[in-house]
């Protein structure tokens, strides 16, 4: 078992010291000006709004801003934990104390917590390149993943690539037991400290990818793995534990997408972040579908963003604290871009994969671009999505015509009109979801009228017959044109089964 950074008695004392240091307390302390500064990464702006010696302000300076604070202030803020007993967390010099690690108050938006997450400081606090065994803190990727996980009461859960333990904190709220793995021994010590401080207990295992759980199955798997597409960088050789797997290209994503299903219990779910190579023909969906072949899992793959290699490399170099314009930046940038050129990679896709293990011989697999801002957390909407996909897949055209459909609440229809000599002429009509996935679809008057008529009481075939009569077209023509559109409307959640 991996031990936390502090002994049990010292952890209890630290928990007492941090009891009032919650996300809400920090937000109140910072006020609107400080919160705005924090959101834009302006640490100096945060510091300027803090009172000089208030206990919570000292904790912010110490564990969020990474500043040295007077020894007396640090001792008072950490009491009842003595400074000498906190050597793993802080370093003392003459008259001042500086934190070795970040400790961030954290809470689930649905009411879990307060928790305290232990990690390394980022390059915004400690400028310059990160250490190769850097343990990443709470970031955009970890929050995106946490918001996309399906949260239902369940049995065993796996947090693969736990890092500082953010996903495991959430999992422990709805799973009876949590296994958390990481290749980094240092990350596991941070995670153990996060768990202990936050009053949770996880089984921590060291190892790469799925090796630590060989032969085991889980009801839910969550993974924020080292998915960066690279020449196969490793920690200590130009790479970092938190982002680089040592596998070239998108091989780490392929192995996980194709392998996690074997570790899911029946009806188990998995959520993972992944990056993938966009092939030269642009068919990224076909590439991902090939990874999912034979997994016996339904899958929804979201491509949230596509970036070209230069932008991608610059993104990850900056993420690791590399400084543009330095010889080190130039060397790493050129080497990485040369590999992309040699490998013929035109672009990289970045996204999210959700899996459901059903054991069907005809799994539902949908790969699509989801660039819009979705309602967060989005996880609660995913079970309804897969239920609609499964029902659609089971219905032939006759079955769909016999189904009663209903429009979902809060749909919005907007019409753009063009000005002309005879006044305004409608040019474009859009149906938009005001919540959930927030899809937008361009539709003509016939389709918007059909959606309005779907009230869950009349079979679709009857509505299409009425539409045919009013339009003067044959029923076969209307059905042939409308059914593919209706299937898409149901799939995206504009319509649902009554």
Protein backbone atom coordinates (compact mmCIF):
# COMPACT_ATOMS: atom_id res chain seq x y z
CA UNK A 1 0.00 0.00 0.00
CA UNK A 2 1.16 3.52 -0.79
CA UNK A 3 1.54 5.72 2.27
CA UNK A 4 0.46 9.39 2.38
CA UNK A 5 3.02 12.16 2.75
CA UNK A 6 2.15 12.54 6.45
CA UNK A 7 1.55 10.08 9.28
CA UNK A 8 -2.05 9.57 10.46
CA UNK A 9 -1.79 11.87 13.48
CA UNK A 10 -0.29 14.65 11.37
CA UNK A 11 -2.98 14.18 8.72
CA UNK A 12 -5.67 14.56 11.39
CA UNK A 13 -4.03 17.77 12.56
CA UNK A 14 -3.78 19.11 9.01
CA UNK A 15 -7.43 18.28 8.36
CA UNK A 16 -8.36 20.28 11.44
CA UNK A 17 -6.24 23.20 10.19
CA UNK A 18 -7.94 23.13 6.78
CA UNK A 19 -11.50 22.56 8.02
CA UNK A 20 -12.68 26.11 7.28
CA UNK A 21 -10.66 26.38 4.06
CA UNK A 22 -13.32 25.37 1.54
CA UNK A 23 -14.01 26.41 -2.06
CA UNK A 24 -16.85 28.64 -0.89
CA UNK A 25 -14.62 30.25 1.74
CA UNK A 26 -11.93 30.96 -0.87
CA UNK A 27 -14.49 32.44 -3.27
CA UNK A 28 -15.84 34.71 -0.53
CA UNK A 29 -12.34 35.72 0.53
CA UNK A 30 -11.29 36.67 -3.02
CA UNK A 31 -14.42 38.57 -3.90
CA UNK A 32 -15.35 39.38 -7.51
CA UNK A 33 -12.04 41.10 -8.32
CA UNK A 34 -9.92 38.28 -6.90
CA UNK A 35 -12.07 35.62 -8.52
CA UNK A 36 -11.70 37.28 -11.91
CA UNK A 37 -7.93 37.51 -11.43
CA UNK A 38 -7.76 33.83 -10.47
CA UNK A 39 -9.80 32.75 -13.49
CA UNK A 40 -7.42 34.55 -15.86
CA UNK A 41 -4.34 33.17 -14.09
CA UNK A 42 -3.30 36.54 -12.64
CA UNK A 43 -1.73 35.38 -9.38
CA UNK A 44 -0.46 38.85 -8.56
CA UNK A 45 -4.00 40.14 -8.88
CA UNK A 46 -5.17 37.45 -6.45
CA UNK A 47 -2.49 38.38 -3.95
CA UNK A 48 -3.44 42.07 -4.05
CA UNK A 49 -6.99 41.43 -2.78
CA UNK A 50 -5.94 39.18 0.12
CA UNK A 51 -5.82 40.59 3.64
CA UNK A 52 -2.27 40.60 5.05
CA UNK A 53 -2.47 38.04 7.82
CA UNK A 54 -5.93 36.47 7.99
CA UNK A 55 -5.63 32.69 8.40
CA UNK A 56 -7.42 31.77 5.17
CA UNK A 57 -5.40 34.35 3.25
CA UNK A 58 -2.18 32.79 4.58
CA UNK A 59 -3.35 29.36 3.36
CA UNK A 60 -4.11 30.81 -0.09
CA UNK A 61 -0.67 32.39 -0.31
CA UNK A 62 1.01 29.25 0.95
CA UNK A 63 -0.78 26.44 -0.90
CA UNK A 64 -2.33 28.11 -3.97
CA UNK A 65 0.01 30.97 -4.85
CA UNK A 66 3.21 29.22 -3.73
CA UNK A 67 4.49 32.31 -1.95
CA UNK A 68 6.80 32.38 1.08
CA UNK A 69 4.94 33.53 4.19
CA UNK A 70 6.30 34.61 7.57
CA UNK A 71 6.99 31.64 9.84
CA UNK A 72 4.68 32.90 12.58
CA UNK A 73 1.79 33.27 10.14
CA UNK A 74 2.40 29.80 8.69
CA UNK A 75 2.54 28.24 12.16
CA UNK A 76 -0.74 29.89 13.15
CA UNK A 77 -2.47 28.91 9.89
CA UNK A 78 -1.38 25.25 10.11
CA UNK A 79 -2.07 24.78 13.83
CA UNK A 80 -2.58 22.24 15.33
CA UNK A 81 -0.07 20.76 12.84
CA UNK A 82 3.43 21.80 13.89
CA UNK A 83 5.72 23.13 11.17
CA UNK A 84 8.42 20.58 12.03
CA UNK A 85 5.88 17.78 11.51
CA UNK A 86 4.90 19.17 8.09
CA UNK A 87 8.31 18.85 6.45
CA UNK A 88 6.85 16.84 3.53
CA UNK A 89 4.52 19.74 2.75
CA UNK A 90 6.54 22.86 3.56
CA UNK A 91 10.15 23.94 3.70
CA UNK A 92 11.41 26.38 6.31
CA UNK A 93 14.06 29.01 5.89
CA UNK A 94 15.09 31.86 8.15
CA UNK A 95 11.88 33.66 9.09
CA UNK A 96 9.68 32.23 6.33
CA UNK A 97 7.93 29.10 5.11
CA UNK A 98 7.19 28.01 1.54
CA UNK A 99 4.96 25.11 0.45
CA UNK A 100 6.49 22.17 -1.39
CA UNK A 101 3.12 21.07 -2.79
CA UNK A 102 -0.18 22.60 -3.77
CA UNK A 103 -3.15 21.80 -1.53
CA UNK A 104 -6.37 22.95 -3.17
CA UNK A 105 -9.84 22.95 -1.58
CA UNK A 106 -12.28 21.21 -3.89
CA UNK A 107 -15.93 20.19 -3.90
CA UNK A 108 -18.37 18.31 -6.10
CA UNK A 109 -20.96 20.61 -7.67
CA UNK A 110 -23.66 18.20 -6.47
CA UNK A 111 -22.64 18.58 -2.84
CA UNK A 112 -19.68 16.24 -2.27
CA UNK A 113 -16.78 17.45 -0.18
CA UNK A 114 -15.18 19.58 0.99
CA UNK A 115 -12.09 17.80 -0.22
CA UNK A 116 -8.43 18.80 -0.40
CA UNK A 117 -6.38 17.81 -3.43
CA UNK A 118 -2.60 17.49 -3.12
CA UNK A 119 -0.40 17.93 -6.20
CA UNK A 120 2.61 19.80 -7.51
CA UNK A 121 2.41 23.48 -8.32
CA UNK A 122 1.92 24.25 -12.00
CA UNK A 123 4.21 26.32 -14.17
CA UNK A 124 2.04 29.39 -13.52
CA UNK A 125 3.24 29.29 -9.89
CA UNK A 126 6.73 27.87 -10.49
CA UNK A 127 7.83 29.18 -13.91
CA UNK A 128 10.05 27.05 -16.10
CA UNK A 129 9.99 23.43 -17.25
CA UNK A 130 8.24 20.96 -14.98
CA UNK A 131 10.01 18.00 -13.40
CA UNK A 132 9.54 14.81 -15.40
CA UNK A 133 7.70 13.20 -12.45
CA UNK A 134 5.40 16.23 -12.06
CA UNK A 135 2.00 15.40 -10.52
CA UNK A 136 -0.67 17.44 -12.23
CA UNK A 137 -3.30 19.20 -10.13
CA UNK A 138 -6.92 20.01 -10.90
CA UNK A 139 -7.14 21.21 -14.48
CA UNK A 140 -9.51 21.63 -17.40
CA UNK A 141 -9.09 18.03 -18.55
CA UNK A 142 -9.79 16.50 -15.14
CA UNK A 143 -12.86 18.71 -14.65
CA UNK A 144 -14.15 17.87 -18.14
CA UNK A 145 -13.85 14.17 -17.40
CA UNK A 146 -15.43 14.42 -13.95
CA UNK A 147 -18.44 16.20 -15.44
CA UNK A 148 -18.90 13.55 -18.15
CA UNK A 149 -18.97 10.45 -15.92
CA UNK A 150 -22.30 8.70 -15.39
CA UNK A 151 -22.95 8.94 -11.63
CA UNK A 152 -25.12 6.07 -10.41
CA UNK A 153 -24.75 3.96 -7.27
CA UNK A 154 -22.51 1.07 -8.18
CA UNK A 155 -20.05 -1.52 -6.95
CA UNK A 156 -16.35 -1.55 -7.90
CA UNK A 157 -14.83 1.48 -9.60
CA UNK A 158 -11.45 1.99 -11.27
CA UNK A 159 -9.61 5.30 -11.65
CA UNK A 160 -6.92 4.53 -14.23
CA UNK A 161 -4.07 7.04 -14.16
CA UNK A 162 -5.29 8.67 -10.96
CA UNK A 163 -2.57 11.32 -10.65
CA UNK A 164 -3.51 13.44 -7.64
CA UNK A 165 -6.79 11.53 -7.19
CA UNK A 166 -9.47 13.90 -8.49
CA UNK A 167 -11.53 11.23 -10.29
CA UNK A 168 -11.28 8.82 -7.36
CA UNK A 169 -12.77 11.46 -5.05
CA UNK A 170 -15.87 11.60 -7.24
CA UNK A 171 -16.04 7.83 -7.71
CA UNK A 172 -16.00 7.16 -3.98
CA UNK A 173 -19.28 9.07 -3.64
CA UNK A 174 -21.24 6.47 -5.63
CA UNK A 175 -19.08 3.32 -5.71
CA UNK A 176 -18.72 0.81 -2.88
CA UNK A 177 -14.96 0.52 -3.50
CA UNK A 178 -12.36 2.35 -5.57
CA UNK A 179 -9.12 1.06 -7.10
CA UNK A 180 -6.80 3.85 -8.28
CA UNK A 181 -3.71 3.16 -10.40
CA UNK A 182 -0.78 5.16 -11.71
CA UNK A 183 2.63 4.47 -13.20
CA UNK A 184 4.15 7.11 -10.90
CA UNK A 185 5.00 6.22 -7.31
CA UNK A 186 5.11 9.93 -6.53
CA UNK A 187 1.62 10.46 -7.90
CA UNK A 188 0.32 7.61 -5.78
CA UNK A 189 1.72 9.25 -2.63
CA UNK A 190 -0.05 12.47 -3.58
CA UNK A 191 -3.27 10.55 -4.23
CA UNK A 192 -2.96 8.74 -0.90
CA UNK A 193 -2.65 12.11 0.83
CA UNK A 194 -5.65 13.50 -1.09
CA UNK A 195 -7.73 10.50 -0.02
CA UNK A 196 -6.67 10.62 3.62
CA UNK A 197 -7.20 14.39 3.93
CA UNK A 198 -10.61 14.07 2.32
CA UNK A 199 -11.74 11.21 4.56
CA UNK A 200 -11.71 8.53 1.87
CA UNK A 201 -9.96 5.20 1.40
CA UNK A 202 -8.92 3.76 -1.96
CA UNK A 203 -6.87 0.77 -3.01
CA UNK A 204 -3.80 2.24 -4.72
CA UNK A 205 -1.78 0.20 -7.21
CA UNK A 206 1.27 1.06 -9.24
CA UNK A 207 1.58 0.04 -12.87
CA UNK A 208 1.09 1.02 -16.50
CA UNK A 209 -2.30 1.19 -18.19
CA UNK A 210 -4.41 -1.92 -17.52
CA UNK A 211 -1.61 -4.12 -16.17
CA UNK A 212 -2.39 -3.48 -12.46
CA UNK A 213 -5.97 -4.81 -12.92
CA UNK A 214 -5.32 -7.77 -15.22
CA UNK A 215 -8.22 -10.21 -15.12
CA UNK A 216 -10.45 -7.92 -13.03
CA UNK A 217 -13.78 -6.32 -13.88
CA UNK A 218 -15.36 -3.10 -12.65
CA UNK A 219 -18.78 -1.50 -12.77
CA UNK A 220 -17.32 1.85 -13.75
CA UNK A 221 -13.93 2.83 -15.16
CA UNK A 222 -12.67 6.40 -15.46
CA UNK A 223 -9.37 7.23 -17.17
CA UNK A 224 -7.42 10.42 -17.71
CA UNK A 225 -4.37 8.67 -19.16
CA UNK A 226 -1.11 10.04 -20.63
CA UNK A 227 -2.78 10.35 -24.05
CA UNK A 228 -0.49 12.85 -25.78
CA UNK A 229 0.37 11.93 -29.38
CA UNK A 230 4.15 12.00 -29.66
CA UNK A 231 7.18 10.07 -30.99
CA UNK A 232 6.98 7.87 -27.90
CA UNK A 233 8.41 10.24 -25.31
CA UNK A 234 9.07 8.95 -21.80
CA UNK A 235 9.66 10.65 -18.51
CA UNK A 236 13.35 11.53 -18.30
CA UNK A 237 13.72 11.48 -22.08
CA UNK A 238 11.86 14.65 -23.01
CA UNK A 239 8.54 13.41 -21.63
CA UNK A 240 6.52 13.59 -18.44
CA UNK A 241 4.73 10.96 -16.39
CA UNK A 242 1.44 12.84 -16.45
CA UNK A 243 1.17 13.17 -20.24
CA UNK A 244 3.52 10.73 -22.02
CA UNK A 245 3.09 6.96 -22.19
CA UNK A 246 6.26 5.98 -24.05
CA UNK A 247 4.08 4.64 -26.88
CA UNK A 248 4.38 6.33 -30.27
CA UNK A 249 1.49 8.06 -31.98
CA UNK A 250 -1.96 7.43 -30.53
CA UNK A 251 -1.17 3.86 -29.49
CA UNK A 252 -1.96 4.48 -25.81
CA UNK A 253 -5.46 5.70 -26.72
CA UNK A 254 -5.98 2.73 -29.04
CA UNK A 255 -4.96 0.23 -26.37
CA UNK A 256 -7.28 1.73 -23.79
CA UNK A 257 -10.29 2.25 -26.08
CA UNK A 258 -9.99 -1.30 -27.36
CA UNK A 259 -9.03 -2.87 -24.02
CA UNK A 260 -11.13 -1.25 -21.30
CA UNK A 261 -14.28 -3.11 -22.36
CA UNK A 262 -12.76 -6.41 -21.23
CA UNK A 263 -12.53 -4.94 -17.71
CA UNK A 264 -16.16 -3.86 -17.52
CA UNK A 265 -18.79 -5.91 -15.72
CA UNK A 266 -22.07 -6.47 -17.61
CA UNK A 267 -23.77 -3.08 -18.10
CA UNK A 268 -20.62 -1.41 -16.76
CA UNK A 269 -19.58 1.99 -18.11
CA UNK A 270 -16.26 3.63 -18.90
CA UNK A 271 -15.35 7.26 -19.53
CA UNK A 272 -11.94 8.27 -20.79
CA UNK A 273 -10.16 11.19 -22.39
CA UNK A 274 -8.22 10.39 -25.54
CA UNK A 275 -6.32 11.96 -28.43
CA UNK A 276 -6.09 10.38 -31.87
CA UNK A 277 -4.38 10.87 -35.19
CA UNK A 278 -6.60 12.23 -37.97
CA UNK A 279 -5.65 10.09 -40.99
CA UNK A 280 -4.80 11.68 -44.31
CA UNK A 281 -8.25 10.84 -45.71
CA UNK A 282 -9.89 12.60 -42.73
CA UNK A 283 -11.84 9.52 -41.63
CA UNK A 284 -11.13 9.74 -37.92
CA UNK A 285 -14.47 8.08 -37.12
CA UNK A 286 -13.52 4.99 -39.11
CA UNK A 287 -10.22 4.86 -37.23
CA UNK A 288 -11.97 4.94 -33.85
CA UNK A 289 -14.59 2.44 -34.97
CA UNK A 290 -11.80 0.01 -35.85
CA UNK A 291 -10.47 0.33 -32.30
CA UNK A 292 -13.91 -0.55 -30.93
CA UNK A 293 -14.47 -3.59 -33.14
CA UNK A 294 -14.91 -6.72 -31.04
CA UNK A 295 -15.20 -4.91 -27.71
CA UNK A 296 -18.90 -5.84 -27.27
CA UNK A 297 -19.43 -2.27 -26.06
CA UNK A 298 -21.76 0.45 -27.16
CA UNK A 299 -19.74 3.63 -27.58
CA UNK A 300 -20.14 7.35 -28.01
CA UNK A 301 -16.99 9.13 -29.14
CA UNK A 302 -16.98 12.92 -28.98
CA UNK A 303 -14.41 14.79 -31.01
CA UNK A 304 -14.31 18.13 -29.18
CA UNK A 305 -11.44 19.75 -31.06
CA UNK A 306 -9.11 19.23 -34.03
CA UNK A 307 -5.68 20.87 -34.07
CA UNK A 308 -2.81 20.88 -36.54
CA UNK A 309 0.57 19.53 -35.39
CA UNK A 310 2.28 22.88 -34.79
CA UNK A 311 -0.55 24.09 -32.57
CA UNK A 312 -0.64 20.74 -30.78
CA UNK A 313 3.09 20.69 -30.01
CA UNK A 314 3.08 24.30 -28.82
CA UNK A 315 0.10 23.53 -26.56
CA UNK A 316 1.86 20.67 -24.79
CA UNK A 317 5.22 22.40 -24.58
CA UNK A 318 3.57 25.36 -22.85
CA UNK A 319 1.64 22.98 -20.61
CA UNK A 320 4.97 21.58 -19.41
CA UNK A 321 6.34 25.05 -18.67
CA UNK A 322 8.65 25.26 -21.67
CA UNK A 323 9.47 28.84 -22.64
CA UNK A 324 9.05 29.93 -26.29
CA UNK A 325 12.18 31.40 -27.81
CA UNK A 326 14.61 29.35 -25.73
CA UNK A 327 17.01 26.82 -27.33
CA UNK A 328 15.29 24.03 -25.38
CA UNK A 329 11.89 25.02 -26.81
CA UNK A 330 13.26 25.16 -30.35
CA UNK A 331 14.96 21.76 -30.07
CA UNK A 332 11.88 20.00 -28.69
CA UNK A 333 9.49 21.77 -31.04
CA UNK A 334 11.53 20.89 -34.15
CA UNK A 335 12.05 17.26 -33.12
CA UNK A 336 8.36 16.73 -32.42
CA UNK A 337 7.20 18.45 -35.62
CA UNK A 338 9.72 16.48 -37.67
CA UNK A 339 8.23 13.26 -36.29
CA UNK A 340 4.71 14.40 -37.24
CA UNK A 341 5.97 15.20 -40.76
CA UNK A 342 7.65 11.81 -41.12
CA UNK A 343 4.56 10.00 -39.81
CA UNK A 344 2.30 11.89 -42.23
CA UNK A 345 0.00 13.20 -39.52
CA UNK A 346 -2.10 16.14 -40.78
CA UNK A 347 -4.05 16.80 -37.56
CA UNK A 348 -4.89 15.46 -34.10
CA UNK A 349 -8.35 14.94 -32.65
CA UNK A 350 -9.04 15.53 -28.97
CA UNK A 351 -12.07 14.17 -27.21
CA UNK A 352 -13.99 11.90 -24.91
CA UNK A 353 -15.00 8.24 -25.19
CA UNK A 354 -17.91 6.71 -23.26
CA UNK A 355 -18.43 2.94 -23.29
CA UNK A 356 -21.30 0.73 -22.13
CA UNK A 357 -20.72 -3.03 -21.92
CA UNK A 358 -23.87 -4.75 -23.20
CA UNK A 359 -22.60 -7.94 -24.79
CA UNK A 360 -24.68 -7.33 -27.94
CA UNK A 361 -23.58 -8.78 -31.25
CA UNK A 362 -24.63 -5.45 -32.82
CA UNK A 363 -23.22 -2.74 -30.56
CA UNK A 364 -24.18 0.88 -31.07
CA UNK A 365 -21.13 2.96 -32.02
CA UNK A 366 -21.45 6.69 -32.73
CA UNK A 367 -18.44 8.90 -33.51
CA UNK A 368 -19.26 12.56 -34.03
CA UNK A 369 -18.01 16.09 -33.63
CA UNK A 370 -19.38 17.79 -30.51
CA UNK A 371 -17.82 21.27 -30.65
CA UNK A 372 -20.60 23.16 -28.87
CA UNK A 373 -20.60 24.11 -25.21
CA UNK A 374 -22.75 21.47 -23.49
CA UNK A 375 -24.58 21.83 -20.20
CA UNK A 376 -22.40 20.74 -17.30
CA UNK A 377 -22.30 18.28 -15.75
CA UNK A 378 -23.20 16.37 -18.90
CA UNK A 379 -22.94 12.88 -17.38
CA UNK A 380 -26.58 12.77 -16.21
CA UNK A 381 -27.77 13.07 -19.82
CA UNK A 382 -25.77 10.11 -21.17
CA UNK A 383 -28.02 7.25 -19.99
CA UNK A 384 -30.96 8.73 -21.88
CA UNK A 385 -28.75 9.13 -24.95
CA UNK A 386 -27.76 5.46 -25.04
CA UNK A 387 -31.35 4.38 -24.33
CA UNK A 388 -32.51 6.30 -27.42
CA UNK A 389 -29.69 4.87 -29.57
CA UNK A 390 -30.47 1.32 -28.53
CA UNK A 391 -34.17 1.72 -29.20
CA UNK A 392 -33.53 3.32 -32.58
CA UNK A 393 -31.18 0.50 -33.53
CA UNK A 394 -33.87 -2.06 -32.65
CA UNK A 395 -36.63 -0.34 -34.65
CA UNK A 396 -37.03 -0.83 -38.39
CA UNK A 397 -38.87 1.81 -40.37
CA UNK A 398 -42.27 0.24 -39.72
CA UNK A 399 -41.57 0.17 -36.01
CA UNK A 400 -40.54 3.82 -35.99
CA UNK A 401 -43.68 4.81 -37.92
CA UNK A 402 -45.74 3.07 -35.25
CA UNK A 403 -44.01 4.85 -32.37
CA UNK A 404 -45.41 7.91 -30.63
CA UNK A 405 -42.78 10.59 -30.24
CA UNK A 406 -42.70 13.73 -28.12
CA UNK A 407 -40.68 16.89 -28.37
CA UNK A 408 -38.36 17.50 -25.44
CA UNK A 409 -38.99 20.54 -23.23
CA UNK A 410 -37.50 23.96 -23.89
CA UNK A 411 -36.75 23.63 -27.60
CA UNK A 412 -36.11 26.96 -29.29
CA UNK A 413 -36.88 27.81 -32.91
CA UNK A 414 -35.17 30.83 -34.46
CA UNK A 415 -35.60 32.21 -37.96
CA UNK A 416 -33.16 34.42 -39.84
CA UNK A 417 -34.70 36.62 -42.48
CA UNK A 418 -33.26 38.59 -45.39
CA UNK A 419 -34.35 42.11 -46.17
CA UNK A 420 -35.51 42.75 -49.71
CA UNK A 421 -37.62 45.11 -51.77
CA UNK A 422 -40.79 43.35 -50.64
CA UNK A 423 -39.82 43.21 -46.95
CA UNK A 424 -38.37 40.38 -44.89
CA UNK A 425 -38.02 36.92 -46.39
CA UNK A 426 -37.31 33.93 -44.09
CA UNK A 427 -33.96 32.47 -45.11
CA UNK A 428 -32.93 30.01 -42.41
CA UNK A 429 -34.70 28.28 -39.53
CA UNK A 430 -32.79 26.60 -36.69
CA UNK A 431 -33.99 24.29 -33.93
CA UNK A 432 -31.90 24.60 -30.80
CA UNK A 433 -31.78 22.77 -27.48
CA UNK A 434 -31.62 25.18 -24.55
CA UNK A 435 -30.07 22.57 -22.23
CA UNK A 436 -28.33 19.16 -22.17
CA UNK A 437 -26.19 18.70 -25.33
CA UNK A 438 -27.37 22.01 -26.84
CA UNK A 439 -27.45 20.76 -30.42
CA UNK A 440 -28.51 23.13 -33.20
CA UNK A 441 -30.03 21.85 -36.45
CA UNK A 442 -31.18 23.72 -39.52
CA UNK A 443 -34.71 22.64 -40.45
CA UNK A 444 -37.43 23.61 -42.91
CA UNK A 445 -41.01 24.47 -42.01
CA UNK A 446 -42.19 20.92 -42.58
CA UNK A 447 -39.75 19.49 -40.04
CA UNK A 448 -40.32 22.21 -37.44
CA UNK A 449 -44.05 21.66 -37.85
CA UNK A 450 -43.61 17.92 -37.43
CA UNK A 451 -41.56 18.44 -34.25
CA UNK A 452 -44.29 20.71 -32.86
CA UNK A 453 -46.92 18.06 -33.65
CA UNK A 454 -45.03 15.33 -31.77
CA UNK A 455 -46.83 15.40 -28.42
CA UNK A 456 -46.48 11.72 -27.52
CA UNK A 457 -50.09 10.77 -28.34
CA UNK A 458 -50.19 10.06 -32.09
CA UNK A 459 -47.99 7.54 -33.99
CA UNK A 460 -45.38 9.09 -36.26
CA UNK A 461 -46.96 7.41 -39.32
CA UNK A 462 -50.25 9.25 -38.76
CA UNK A 463 -48.44 12.61 -38.50
CA UNK A 464 -46.52 11.94 -41.71
CA UNK A 465 -49.77 11.01 -43.47
CA UNK A 466 -51.26 14.36 -42.45
CA UNK A 467 -48.09 16.09 -43.65
CA UNK A 468 -48.34 14.34 -47.02
CA UNK A 469 -51.98 15.38 -47.41
CA UNK A 470 -51.26 19.01 -46.61
CA UNK A 471 -48.20 19.20 -48.89
CA UNK A 472 -49.66 17.40 -51.88
CA UNK A 473 -46.78 14.91 -51.94
CA UNK A 474 -47.20 11.15 -51.86
CA UNK A 475 -46.98 9.38 -48.52
CA UNK A 476 -44.04 7.29 -49.77
CA UNK A 477 -42.14 10.46 -50.72
CA UNK A 478 -42.78 12.08 -47.34
CA UNK A 479 -41.86 8.95 -45.37
CA UNK A 480 -38.69 8.41 -47.39
CA UNK A 481 -37.56 11.99 -46.85
CA UNK A 482 -38.66 12.33 -43.22
CA UNK A 483 -37.55 9.09 -41.56
CA UNK A 484 -33.76 9.74 -41.74
CA UNK A 485 -34.36 13.23 -40.34
CA UNK A 486 -36.60 11.89 -37.57
CA UNK A 487 -33.99 9.29 -36.62
CA UNK A 488 -31.42 12.07 -36.32
CA UNK A 489 -33.80 14.21 -34.25
CA UNK A 490 -34.36 11.32 -31.85
CA UNK A 491 -30.68 10.42 -31.74
CA UNK A 492 -29.70 13.99 -30.82
CA UNK A 493 -32.50 14.40 -28.30
CA UNK A 494 -34.85 16.84 -30.01
CA UNK A 495 -37.51 14.12 -29.96
CA UNK A 496 -37.91 11.21 -27.58
CA UNK A 497 -40.10 8.15 -27.33
CA UNK A 498 -43.32 8.74 -25.40
